[in-house]
PDB file of all heavy atoms in Angstrom:
ATOM      1  N   GLN A   1      33.137  14.238  25.542  1.00  0.00           N
ATOM      2  CA  GLN A   1      32.615  14.115  24.170  1.00  0.00           C
ATOM      3  C   GLN A   1      31.653  12.959  24.065  1.00  0.00           C
ATOM      4  O   GLN A   1      30.626  13.021  23.377  1.00  0.00           O
ATOM      5  CB  GLN A   1      33.745  13.967  23.173  1.00  0.00           C
ATOM      6  CG  GLN A   1      34.650  15.173  23.031  1.00  0.00           C
ATOM      7  CD  GLN A   1      34.013  16.307  22.222  1.00  0.00           C
ATOM      8  OE1 GLN A   1      32.776  16.353  22.052  1.00  0.00           O
ATOM      9  NE2 GLN A   1      34.824  17.228  21.725  1.00  0.00           N
ATOM     10  N   PHE A   2      31.959  11.838  24.761  1.00  0.00           N
ATOM     11  CA  PHE A   2      31.037  10.719  24.777  1.00  0.00           C
ATOM     12  C   PHE A   2      29.675  11.130  25.318  1.00  0.00           C
ATOM     13  O   PHE A   2      28.636  10.786  24.772  1.00  0.00           O
ATOM     14  CB  PHE A   2      31.624   9.569  25.589  1.00  0.00           C
ATOM     15  CG  PHE A   2      30.704   8.402  25.705  1.00  0.00           C
ATOM     16  CD1 PHE A   2      30.701   7.386  24.738  1.00  0.00           C
ATOM     17  CD2 PHE A   2      29.816   8.273  26.776  1.00  0.00           C
ATOM     18  CE1 PHE A   2      29.830   6.297  24.857  1.00  0.00           C
ATOM     19  CE2 PHE A   2      28.966   7.190  26.888  1.00  0.00           C
ATOM     20  CZ  PHE A   2      28.977   6.207  25.929  1.00  0.00           C
ATOM     21  N   GLY A   3      29.716  11.823  26.483  1.00  0.00           N
ATOM     22  CA  GLY A   3      28.463  12.257  27.103  1.00  0.00           C
ATOM     23  C   GLY A   3      27.688  13.234  26.237  1.00  0.00           C
ATOM     24  O   GLY A   3      26.453  13.138  26.167  1.00  0.00           O
ATOM     25  N   LEU A   4      28.392  14.166  25.597  1.00  0.00           N
ATOM     26  CA  LEU A   4      27.696  15.167  24.781  1.00  0.00           C
ATOM     27  C   LEU A   4      27.163  14.608  23.487  1.00  0.00           C
ATOM     28  O   LEU A   4      26.201  15.129  22.926  1.00  0.00           O
ATOM     29  CB  LEU A   4      28.689  16.303  24.456  1.00  0.00           C
ATOM     30  CG  LEU A   4      29.134  17.157  25.630  1.00  0.00           C
ATOM     31  CD1 LEU A   4      30.210  18.135  25.175  1.00  0.00           C
ATOM     32  CD2 LEU A   4      27.962  17.881  26.254  1.00  0.00           C
ATOM     33  N   ALA A   5      27.751  13.520  22.995  1.00  0.00           N
ATOM     34  CA  ALA A   5      27.317  12.937  21.729  1.00  0.00           C
ATOM     35  C   ALA A   5      25.835  12.503  21.789  1.00  0.00           C
ATOM     36  O   ALA A   5      25.158  12.536  20.772  1.00  0.00           O
ATOM     37  CB  ALA A   5      28.193  11.754  21.380  1.00  0.00           C
ATOM     38  N   LYS A   6      25.380  12.150  22.966  1.00  0.00           N
ATOM     39  CA  LYS A   6      23.959  11.752  23.057  1.00  0.00           C
ATOM     40  C   LYS A   6      23.062  12.910  22.591  1.00  0.00           C
ATOM     41  O   LYS A   6      22.073  12.667  21.905  1.00  0.00           O
ATOM     42  CB  LYS A   6      23.627  11.331  24.500  1.00  0.00           C
ATOM     43  CG  LYS A   6      22.193  10.903  24.653  1.00  0.00           C
ATOM     44  CD  LYS A   6      21.815  10.515  26.076  1.00  0.00           C
ATOM     45  CE  LYS A   6      20.367  10.084  26.103  1.00  0.00           C
ATOM     46  NZ  LYS A   6      19.883   9.759  27.460  1.00  0.00           N
ATOM     47  N   ARG A   7      23.374  14.107  22.995  1.00  0.00           N
ATOM     48  CA  ARG A   7      22.575  15.269  22.617  1.00  0.00           C
ATOM     49  C   ARG A   7      22.908  15.723  21.198  1.00  0.00           C
ATOM     50  O   ARG A   7      22.041  16.080  20.421  1.00  0.00           O
ATOM     51  CB  ARG A   7      22.818  16.392  23.597  1.00  0.00           C
ATOM     52  CG  ARG A   7      21.919  17.618  23.375  1.00  0.00           C
ATOM     53  CD  ARG A   7      22.392  18.765  24.305  1.00  0.00           C
ATOM     54  NE  ARG A   7      21.400  19.785  24.464  1.00  0.00           N
ATOM     55  CZ  ARG A   7      21.262  20.829  23.633  1.00  0.00           C
ATOM     56  NH1 ARG A   7      22.035  20.921  22.585  1.00  0.00           N
ATOM     57  NH2 ARG A   7      20.336  21.750  23.902  1.00  0.00           N
ATOM     58  N   ASN A   8      24.218  15.744  20.888  1.00  0.00           N
ATOM     59  CA  ASN A   8      24.656  16.396  19.679  1.00  0.00           C
ATOM     60  C   ASN A   8      24.447  15.583  18.408  1.00  0.00           C
ATOM     61  O   ASN A   8      24.582  16.076  17.316  1.00  0.00           O
ATOM     62  CB  ASN A   8      26.126  16.748  19.785  1.00  0.00           C
ATOM     63  CG  ASN A   8      26.378  17.888  20.771  1.00  0.00           C
ATOM     64  OD1 ASN A   8      25.453  18.607  21.183  1.00  0.00           O
ATOM     65  ND2 ASN A   8      27.638  18.038  21.224  1.00  0.00           N
ATOM     66  N   THR A   9      24.139  14.287  18.537  1.00  0.00           N
ATOM     67  CA  THR A   9      23.969  13.451  17.376  1.00  0.00           C
ATOM     68  C   THR A   9      22.497  12.997  17.164  1.00  0.00           C
ATOM     69  O   THR A   9      22.271  12.074  16.381  1.00  0.00           O
ATOM     70  CB  THR A   9      24.860  12.189  17.481  1.00  0.00           C
ATOM     71  OG1 THR A   9      24.516  11.423  18.615  1.00  0.00           O
ATOM     72  CG2 THR A   9      26.336  12.585  17.559  1.00  0.00           C
ATOM     73  N   LEU A  10      21.584  13.664  17.811  1.00  0.00           N
ATOM     74  CA  LEU A  10      20.173  13.327  17.594  1.00  0.00           C
ATOM     75  C   LEU A  10      19.797  13.535  16.122  1.00  0.00           C
ATOM     76  O   LEU A  10      20.143  14.590  15.551  1.00  0.00           O
ATOM     77  CB  LEU A  10      19.271  14.176  18.458  1.00  0.00           C
ATOM     78  CG  LEU A  10      19.207  13.823  19.960  1.00  0.00           C
ATOM     79  CD1 LEU A  10      18.414  14.898  20.699  1.00  0.00           C
ATOM     80  CD2 LEU A  10      18.556  12.457  20.154  1.00  0.00           C
ATOM     81  N   PRO A  11      19.100  12.607  15.510  1.00  0.00           N
ATOM     82  CA  PRO A  11      18.634  12.827  14.148  1.00  0.00           C
ATOM     83  C   PRO A  11      17.548  13.900  14.092  1.00  0.00           C
ATOM     84  O   PRO A  11      16.942  14.228  15.106  1.00  0.00           O
ATOM     85  CB  PRO A  11      18.114  11.452  13.721  1.00  0.00           C
ATOM     86  CG  PRO A  11      17.722  10.780  14.999  1.00  0.00           C
ATOM     87  CD  PRO A  11      18.704  11.294  16.028  1.00  0.00           C
ATOM     88  N   ARG A  12      17.293  14.413  12.873  1.00  0.00           N
ATOM     89  CA  ARG A  12      16.326  15.497  12.730  1.00  0.00           C
ATOM     90  C   ARG A  12      14.938  15.093  13.235  1.00  0.00           C
ATOM     91  O   ARG A  12      14.202  15.922  13.804  1.00  0.00           O
ATOM     92  CB  ARG A  12      16.241  15.925  11.258  1.00  0.00           C
ATOM     93  CG  ARG A  12      17.429  16.764  10.795  1.00  0.00           C
ATOM     94  CD  ARG A  12      17.388  16.951   9.304  1.00  0.00           C
ATOM     95  NE  ARG A  12      17.660  15.722   8.587  1.00  0.00           N
ATOM     96  CZ  ARG A  12      17.660  15.617   7.251  1.00  0.00           C
ATOM     97  NH1 ARG A  12      17.378  16.653   6.507  1.00  0.00           N
ATOM     98  NH2 ARG A  12      17.911  14.439   6.677  1.00  0.00           N
ATOM     99  N   GLU A  13      14.575  13.825  13.073  1.00  0.00           N
ATOM    100  CA  GLU A  13      13.270  13.366  13.547  1.00  0.00           C
ATOM    101  C   GLU A  13      13.135  13.558  15.051  1.00  0.00           C
ATOM    102  O   GLU A  13      12.084  13.916  15.560  1.00  0.00           O
ATOM    103  CB  GLU A  13      13.069  11.887  13.130  1.00  0.00           C
ATOM    104  CG  GLU A  13      11.646  11.391  13.442  1.00  0.00           C
ATOM    105  CD  GLU A  13      11.421  10.028  12.834  1.00  0.00           C
ATOM    106  OE1 GLU A  13      11.997   9.725  11.763  1.00  0.00           O
ATOM    107  OE2 GLU A  13      10.663   9.217  13.427  1.00  0.00           O
ATOM    108  N   CYS A  14      14.209  13.307  15.783  1.00  0.00           N
ATOM    109  CA  CYS A  14      14.177  13.513  17.238  1.00  0.00           C
ATOM    110  C   CYS A  14      14.093  14.998  17.578  1.00  0.00           C
ATOM    111  O   CYS A  14      13.384  15.397  18.513  1.00  0.00           O
ATOM    112  CB  CYS A  14      15.421  12.912  17.891  1.00  0.00           C
ATOM    113  SG  CYS A  14      15.466  11.082  17.868  1.00  0.00           S
ATOM    114  N   LEU A  15      14.816  15.839  16.865  1.00  0.00           N
ATOM    115  CA  LEU A  15      14.830  17.255  17.148  1.00  0.00           C
ATOM    116  C   LEU A  15      13.441  17.861  16.931  1.00  0.00           C
ATOM    117  O   LEU A  15      13.098  18.858  17.585  1.00  0.00           O
ATOM    118  CB  LEU A  15      15.852  17.968  16.267  1.00  0.00           C
ATOM    119  CG  LEU A  15      17.327  17.549  16.478  1.00  0.00           C
ATOM    120  CD1 LEU A  15      18.199  18.294  15.477  1.00  0.00           C
ATOM    121  CD2 LEU A  15      17.762  17.852  17.906  1.00  0.00           C
ATOM    122  N   ARG A  16      12.665  17.299  16.045  1.00  0.00           N
ATOM    123  CA  ARG A  16      11.315  17.815  15.785  1.00  0.00           C
ATOM    124  C   ARG A  16      10.233  17.114  16.627  1.00  0.00           C
ATOM    125  O   ARG A  16       9.077  17.566  16.618  1.00  0.00           O
ATOM    126  CB  ARG A  16      10.966  17.624  14.295  1.00  0.00           C
ATOM    127  CG  ARG A  16      11.847  18.399  13.326  1.00  0.00           C
ATOM    128  CD  ARG A  16      11.241  18.345  11.938  1.00  0.00           C
ATOM    129  NE  ARG A  16      11.219  17.001  11.372  1.00  0.00           N
ATOM    130  CZ  ARG A  16      12.159  16.493  10.563  1.00  0.00           C
ATOM    131  NH1 ARG A  16      13.166  17.263  10.191  1.00  0.00           N
ATOM    132  NH2 ARG A  16      12.030  15.249  10.087  1.00  0.00           N
ATOM    133  N   CYS A  17      10.621  16.113  17.381  1.00  0.00           N
ATOM    134  CA  CYS A  17       9.621  15.289  18.082  1.00  0.00           C
ATOM    135  C   CYS A  17       9.050  15.990  19.281  1.00  0.00           C
ATOM    136  O   CYS A  17       9.765  16.592  20.081  1.00  0.00           O
ATOM    137  CB  CYS A  17      10.276  13.955  18.526  1.00  0.00           C
ATOM    138  SG  CYS A  17       9.165  12.842  19.416  1.00  0.00           S
ATOM    139  N   GLN A  18       7.736  15.874  19.457  1.00  0.00           N
ATOM    140  CA  GLN A  18       7.082  16.521  20.589  1.00  0.00           C
ATOM    141  C   GLN A  18       7.435  15.868  21.928  1.00  0.00           C
ATOM    142  O   GLN A  18       7.263  16.486  22.984  1.00  0.00           O
ATOM    143  CB  GLN A  18       5.565  16.490  20.418  1.00  0.00           C
ATOM    144  CG  GLN A  18       4.942  15.084  20.384  1.00  0.00           C
ATOM    145  CD  GLN A  18       3.463  15.066  20.205  1.00  0.00           C
ATOM    146  OE1 GLN A  18       2.752  15.763  20.933  1.00  0.00           O
ATOM    147  NE2 GLN A  18       2.937  14.292  19.277  1.00  0.00           N
ATOM    148  N   TYR A  19       8.017  14.652  21.891  1.00  0.00           N
ATOM    149  CA  TYR A  19       8.358  13.965  23.104  1.00  0.00           C
ATOM    150  C   TYR A  19       9.873  14.011  23.390  1.00  0.00           C
ATOM    151  O   TYR A  19      10.367  13.287  24.246  1.00  0.00           O
ATOM    152  CB  TYR A  19       7.913  12.503  23.046  1.00  0.00           C
ATOM    153  CG  TYR A  19       6.446  12.364  22.802  1.00  0.00           C
ATOM    154  CD1 TYR A  19       5.941  11.706  21.653  1.00  0.00           C
ATOM    155  CD2 TYR A  19       5.516  12.884  23.673  1.00  0.00           C
ATOM    156  CE1 TYR A  19       4.603  11.581  21.430  1.00  0.00           C
ATOM    157  CE2 TYR A  19       4.132  12.764  23.468  1.00  0.00           C
ATOM    158  CZ  TYR A  19       3.698  12.102  22.331  1.00  0.00           C
ATOM    159  OH  TYR A  19       2.339  11.988  22.098  1.00  0.00           O
ATOM    160  N   ARG A  20      10.595  14.827  22.652  1.00  0.00           N
ATOM    161  CA  ARG A  20      12.050  14.868  22.799  1.00  0.00           C
ATOM    162  C   ARG A  20      12.460  15.095  24.262  1.00  0.00           C
ATOM    163  O   ARG A  20      13.414  14.462  24.718  1.00  0.00           O
ATOM    164  CB  ARG A  20      12.623  15.992  21.924  1.00  0.00           C
ATOM    165  CG  ARG A  20      14.136  16.183  22.121  1.00  0.00           C
ATOM    166  CD  ARG A  20      14.621  17.432  21.355  1.00  0.00           C
ATOM    167  NE  ARG A  20      16.000  17.733  21.649  1.00  0.00           N
ATOM    168  CZ  ARG A  20      16.650  18.788  21.180  1.00  0.00           C
ATOM    169  NH1 ARG A  20      16.026  19.653  20.379  1.00  0.00           N
ATOM    170  NH2 ARG A  20      17.911  19.004  21.533  1.00  0.00           N
ATOM    171  N   GLN A  21      11.812  16.013  24.958  1.00  0.00           N
ATOM    172  CA  GLN A  21      12.221  16.348  26.317  1.00  0.00           C
ATOM    173  C   GLN A  21      11.907  15.224  27.312  1.00  0.00           C
ATOM    174  O   GLN A  21      12.326  15.298  28.463  1.00  0.00           O
ATOM    175  CB  GLN A  21      11.548  17.662  26.788  1.00  0.00           C
ATOM    176  CG  GLN A  21      11.903  18.820  25.918  1.00  0.00           C
ATOM    177  CD  GLN A  21      13.414  19.069  25.803  1.00  0.00           C
ATOM    178  OE1 GLN A  21      14.136  18.998  26.816  1.00  0.00           O
ATOM    179  NE2 GLN A  21      13.887  19.312  24.602  1.00  0.00           N
ATOM    180  N   LEU A  22      11.174  14.195  26.889  1.00  0.00           N
ATOM    181  CA  LEU A  22      10.843  13.101  27.777  1.00  0.00           C
ATOM    182  C   LEU A  22      11.869  11.962  27.683  1.00  0.00           C
ATOM    183  O   LEU A  22      12.106  11.247  28.652  1.00  0.00           O
ATOM    184  CB  LEU A  22       9.465  12.554  27.466  1.00  0.00           C
ATOM    185  CG  LEU A  22       8.309  13.549  27.617  1.00  0.00           C
ATOM    186  CD1 LEU A  22       6.993  12.840  27.307  1.00  0.00           C
ATOM    187  CD2 LEU A  22       8.282  14.125  29.038  1.00  0.00           C
ATOM    188  N   CYS A  23      12.455  11.785  26.521  1.00  0.00           N
ATOM    189  CA  CYS A  23      13.393  10.661  26.371  1.00  0.00           C
ATOM    190  C   CYS A  23      14.782  11.074  25.902  1.00  0.00           C
ATOM    191  O   CYS A  23      15.757  10.333  26.097  1.00  0.00           O
ATOM    192  CB  CYS A  23      12.836   9.580  25.439  1.00  0.00           C
ATOM    193  SG  CYS A  23      12.992   9.941  23.693  1.00  0.00           S
ATOM    194  N   HIS A  24      14.915  12.227  25.221  1.00  0.00           N
ATOM    195  CA  HIS A  24      16.214  12.683  24.714  1.00  0.00           C
ATOM    196  C   HIS A  24      16.907  11.624  23.845  1.00  0.00           C
ATOM    197  O   HIS A  24      18.135  11.544  23.869  1.00  0.00           O
ATOM    198  CB  HIS A  24      17.115  13.143  25.854  1.00  0.00           C
ATOM    199  CG  HIS A  24      16.540  14.274  26.661  1.00  0.00           C
ATOM    200  ND1 HIS A  24      16.497  15.569  26.174  1.00  0.00           N
ATOM    201  CD2 HIS A  24      15.998  14.317  27.915  1.00  0.00           C
ATOM    202  CE1 HIS A  24      15.948  16.348  27.092  1.00  0.00           C
ATOM    203  NE2 HIS A  24      15.627  15.623  28.147  1.00  0.00           N
ATOM    204  N   GLY A  25      16.117  10.858  23.113  1.00  0.00           N
ATOM    205  CA  GLY A  25      16.730   9.811  22.292  1.00  0.00           C
ATOM    206  C   GLY A  25      16.991   8.528  23.003  1.00  0.00           C
ATOM    207  O   GLY A  25      17.533   7.591  22.420  1.00  0.00           O
ATOM    208  N   GLU A  26      16.700   8.453  24.291  1.00  0.00           N
ATOM    209  CA  GLU A  26      16.930   7.298  25.162  1.00  0.00           C
ATOM    210  C   GLU A  26      18.401   6.869  25.070  1.00  0.00           C
ATOM    211  O   GLU A  26      19.264   7.670  24.712  1.00  0.00           O
ATOM    212  CB  GLU A  26      15.964   6.196  24.830  1.00  0.00           C
ATOM    213  CG  GLU A  26      15.636   5.226  25.972  1.00  0.00           C
ATOM    214  CD  GLU A  26      16.224   3.829  25.758  1.00  0.00           C
ATOM    215  OE1 GLU A  26      16.783   3.566  24.658  1.00  0.00           O
ATOM    216  OE2 GLU A  26      16.074   3.002  26.660  1.00  0.00           O
ATOM    217  N   CYS A  27      18.697   5.618  25.392  1.00  0.00           N
ATOM    218  CA  CYS A  27      20.079   5.154  25.511  1.00  0.00           C
ATOM    219  C   CYS A  27      20.787   5.097  24.154  1.00  0.00           C
ATOM    220  O   CYS A  27      20.234   4.506  23.208  1.00  0.00           O
ATOM    221  CB  CYS A  27      20.121   3.797  26.204  1.00  0.00           C
ATOM    222  SG  CYS A  27      21.821   3.155  26.426  1.00  0.00           S
ATOM    223  N   PRO A  28      21.989   5.656  24.020  1.00  0.00           N
ATOM    224  CA  PRO A  28      22.730   5.546  22.734  1.00  0.00           C
ATOM    225  C   PRO A  28      22.928   4.106  22.293  1.00  0.00           C
ATOM    226  O   PRO A  28      23.109   3.836  21.091  1.00  0.00           O
ATOM    227  CB  PRO A  28      24.068   6.207  23.079  1.00  0.00           C
ATOM    228  CG  PRO A  28      23.728   7.195  24.163  1.00  0.00           C
ATOM    229  CD  PRO A  28      22.690   6.520  24.985  1.00  0.00           C
ATOM    230  N   LYS A  29      22.917   3.142  23.203  1.00  0.00           N
ATOM    231  CA  LYS A  29      23.029   1.735  22.845  1.00  0.00           C
ATOM    232  C   LYS A  29      21.968   1.317  21.846  1.00  0.00           C
ATOM    233  O   LYS A  29      22.228   0.473  21.000  1.00  0.00           O
ATOM    234  CB  LYS A  29      22.928   0.887  24.109  1.00  0.00           C
ATOM    235  CG  LYS A  29      22.780  -0.630  23.872  1.00  0.00           C
ATOM    236  CD  LYS A  29      22.567  -1.317  25.206  1.00  0.00           C
ATOM    237  CE  LYS A  29      22.468  -2.850  24.992  1.00  0.00           C
ATOM    238  NZ  LYS A  29      21.213  -3.246  24.334  1.00  0.00           N
ATOM    239  N   HIS A  30      20.803   1.930  21.936  1.00  0.00           N
ATOM    240  CA  HIS A  30      19.661   1.536  21.100  1.00  0.00           C
ATOM    241  C   HIS A  30      19.488   2.411  19.870  1.00  0.00           C
ATOM    242  O   HIS A  30      18.587   2.204  19.085  1.00  0.00           O
ATOM    243  CB  HIS A  30      18.367   1.576  21.907  1.00  0.00           C
ATOM    244  CG  HIS A  30      18.308   0.617  23.029  1.00  0.00           C
ATOM    245  ND1 HIS A  30      17.780   0.941  24.273  1.00  0.00           N
ATOM    246  CD2 HIS A  30      18.719  -0.675  23.142  1.00  0.00           C
ATOM    247  CE1 HIS A  30      17.870  -0.105  25.054  1.00  0.00           C
ATOM    248  NE2 HIS A  30      18.445  -1.092  24.388  1.00  0.00           N
ATOM    249  N   ARG A  31      20.413   3.342  19.620  1.00  0.00           N
ATOM    250  CA  ARG A  31      20.252   4.324  18.575  1.00  0.00           C
ATOM    251  C   ARG A  31      20.990   3.830  17.286  1.00  0.00           C
ATOM    252  O   ARG A  31      21.968   4.459  16.869  1.00  0.00           O
ATOM    253  CB  ARG A  31      20.709   5.703  19.015  1.00  0.00           C
ATOM    254  CG  ARG A  31      19.682   6.303  19.995  1.00  0.00           C
ATOM    255  CD  ARG A  31      20.173   7.431  20.836  1.00  0.00           C
ATOM    256  NE  ARG A  31      20.716   8.533  20.096  1.00  0.00           N
ATOM    257  CZ  ARG A  31      21.064   9.688  20.628  1.00  0.00           C
ATOM    258  NH1 ARG A  31      20.859   9.913  21.918  1.00  0.00           N
ATOM    259  NH2 ARG A  31      21.569  10.644  19.905  1.00  0.00           N
ATOM    260  N   PHE A  32      20.474   2.763  16.718  1.00  0.00           N
ATOM    261  CA  PHE A  32      21.127   2.190  15.543  1.00  0.00           C
ATOM    262  C   PHE A  32      20.173   2.081  14.338  1.00  0.00           C
ATOM    263  O   PHE A  32      20.525   1.561  13.318  1.00  0.00           O
ATOM    264  CB  PHE A  32      21.662   0.808  15.874  1.00  0.00           C
ATOM    265  CG  PHE A  32      20.671  -0.170  16.442  1.00  0.00           C
ATOM    266  CD1 PHE A  32      19.777  -0.864  15.665  1.00  0.00           C
ATOM    267  CD2 PHE A  32      20.643  -0.417  17.824  1.00  0.00           C
ATOM    268  CE1 PHE A  32      18.868  -1.775  16.190  1.00  0.00           C
ATOM    269  CE2 PHE A  32      19.721  -1.322  18.378  1.00  0.00           C
ATOM    270  CZ  PHE A  32      18.841  -1.989  17.570  1.00  0.00           C
ATOM    271  N   ALA A  33      18.970   2.624  14.437  1.00  0.00           N
ATOM    272  CA  ALA A  33      17.997   2.579  13.362  1.00  0.00           C
ATOM    273  C   ALA A  33      18.144   3.843  12.502  1.00  0.00           C
ATOM    274  O   ALA A  33      18.787   4.824  12.873  1.00  0.00           O
ATOM    275  CB  ALA A  33      16.580   2.435  13.901  1.00  0.00           C
ATOM    276  N   ALA A  34      17.471   3.833  11.370  1.00  0.00           N
ATOM    277  CA  ALA A  34      17.434   4.990  10.478  1.00  0.00           C
ATOM    278  C   ALA A  34      16.052   5.664  10.578  1.00  0.00           C
ATOM    279  O   ALA A  34      15.034   4.976  10.694  1.00  0.00           O
ATOM    280  CB  ALA A  34      17.713   4.598   9.032  1.00  0.00           C
TER     281      ALA A  34
END
C-alpha cells in the first residue's frame, strides 16, 4: 500500500500534466504542497 500510494494519490494537476510519465509526481517526501 505504501508503494502504490505514490501512484494512487496523485493530485488532479499531476494526472493532467503532460510530463506525468517523466516524473510520476517524483518522491512522496516532497509531495506536501497544494
